[in-house]
């Protein structure tokens, strides 16, 4: 099994939780990882279409696939 980590504590998106847990996302359009969490989202499934996707928090919410994300980190918890 290959190492799921990238630099700076980031993980490959293929290793991200797919259970609805919110995570910090490093978007593909950003060359370097964000210093502060700019994109936070969670994996969700569309039962009618039978597909999964990332739902990003915001107003309005955005949706994207794994191809649009470079990596992820867990949210900090106290």
Protein backbone atom coordinates (compact mmCIF):
# COMPACT_ATOMS: atom_id res chain seq x y z
CA UNK A 1 0.00 0.00 0.00
CA UNK A 2 1.36 3.45 -0.92
CA UNK A 3 1.76 6.33 1.53
CA UNK A 4 -1.44 8.46 1.50
CA UNK A 5 0.35 11.63 2.69
CA UNK A 6 1.41 14.66 0.72
CA UNK A 7 3.64 17.43 2.06
CA UNK A 8 2.76 19.45 5.15
CA UNK A 9 0.36 16.93 6.65
CA UNK A 10 -1.97 16.86 3.65
CA UNK A 11 -3.41 13.52 2.55
CA UNK A 12 -4.28 12.26 -0.92
CA UNK A 13 -7.95 12.74 -1.69
CA UNK A 14 -8.27 8.99 -2.29
CA UNK A 15 -7.67 8.53 1.48
CA UNK A 16 -10.37 11.04 2.52
CA UNK A 17 -13.30 9.90 4.68
CA UNK A 18 -16.43 9.13 2.67
CA UNK A 19 -18.79 9.05 5.66
CA UNK A 20 -19.95 12.69 5.78
CA UNK A 21 -17.11 13.86 8.06
CA UNK A 22 -16.26 17.53 7.29
CA UNK A 23 -12.63 18.04 6.18
CA UNK A 24 -10.41 20.88 4.94
CA UNK A 25 -9.87 20.66 1.20
CA UNK A 26 -6.92 21.82 -0.94
CA UNK A 27 -8.51 22.75 -4.25
CA UNK A 28 -6.76 21.82 -7.51
CA UNK A 29 -6.66 25.41 -8.79
CA UNK A 30 -4.42 26.40 -5.85
CA UNK A 31 -0.73 25.73 -6.53
CA UNK A 32 0.22 25.70 -2.84
CA UNK A 33 -1.75 24.38 0.12
CA UNK A 34 -3.89 26.99 1.90
CA UNK A 35 -2.50 28.55 5.09
CA UNK A 36 -5.99 28.78 6.61
CA UNK A 37 -9.00 26.59 5.79
CA UNK A 38 -10.57 28.21 2.75
CA UNK A 39 -12.57 25.24 1.54
CA UNK A 40 -14.30 22.88 3.93
CA UNK A 41 -16.65 20.20 2.75
CA UNK A 42 -17.90 16.66 3.13
CA UNK A 43 -18.55 13.65 0.93
CA UNK A 44 -22.17 12.91 0.19
CA UNK A 45 -24.11 10.55 -2.04
CA UNK A 46 -26.97 11.34 -4.37
CA UNK A 47 -29.18 8.26 -3.93
CA UNK A 48 -31.26 8.97 -7.06
CA UNK A 49 -28.23 9.28 -9.34
CA UNK A 50 -26.11 6.77 -7.42
CA UNK A 51 -23.03 9.02 -7.42
CA UNK A 52 -20.93 10.65 -4.72
CA UNK A 53 -19.42 14.13 -4.67
CA UNK A 54 -17.88 16.75 -2.37
CA UNK A 55 -20.26 19.38 -1.02
CA UNK A 56 -18.38 22.54 -0.03
CA UNK A 57 -19.75 24.76 2.70
CA UNK A 58 -20.67 28.28 1.59
CA UNK A 59 -23.49 30.40 0.31
CA UNK A 60 -24.36 29.07 -2.14
CA UNK A 61 -22.81 25.63 -1.53
CA UNK A 62 -20.50 24.30 -4.24
CA UNK A 63 -20.10 20.75 -5.45
CA UNK A 64 -17.04 19.06 -6.93
CA UNK A 65 -15.39 15.74 -7.68
CA UNK A 66 -12.07 14.24 -6.55
CA UNK A 67 -10.44 15.61 -9.74
CA UNK A 68 -10.95 19.17 -8.48
CA UNK A 69 -9.13 18.52 -5.17
CA UNK A 70 -5.39 18.07 -4.53
CA UNK A 71 -5.59 16.92 -0.92
CA UNK A 72 -7.35 17.07 2.43
CA UNK A 73 -6.71 17.53 6.17
CA UNK A 74 -8.93 16.73 9.14
CA UNK A 75 -10.61 19.63 10.91
CA UNK A 76 -8.91 20.60 14.15
CA UNK A 77 -10.83 19.47 17.21
CA UNK A 78 -10.51 20.58 20.80
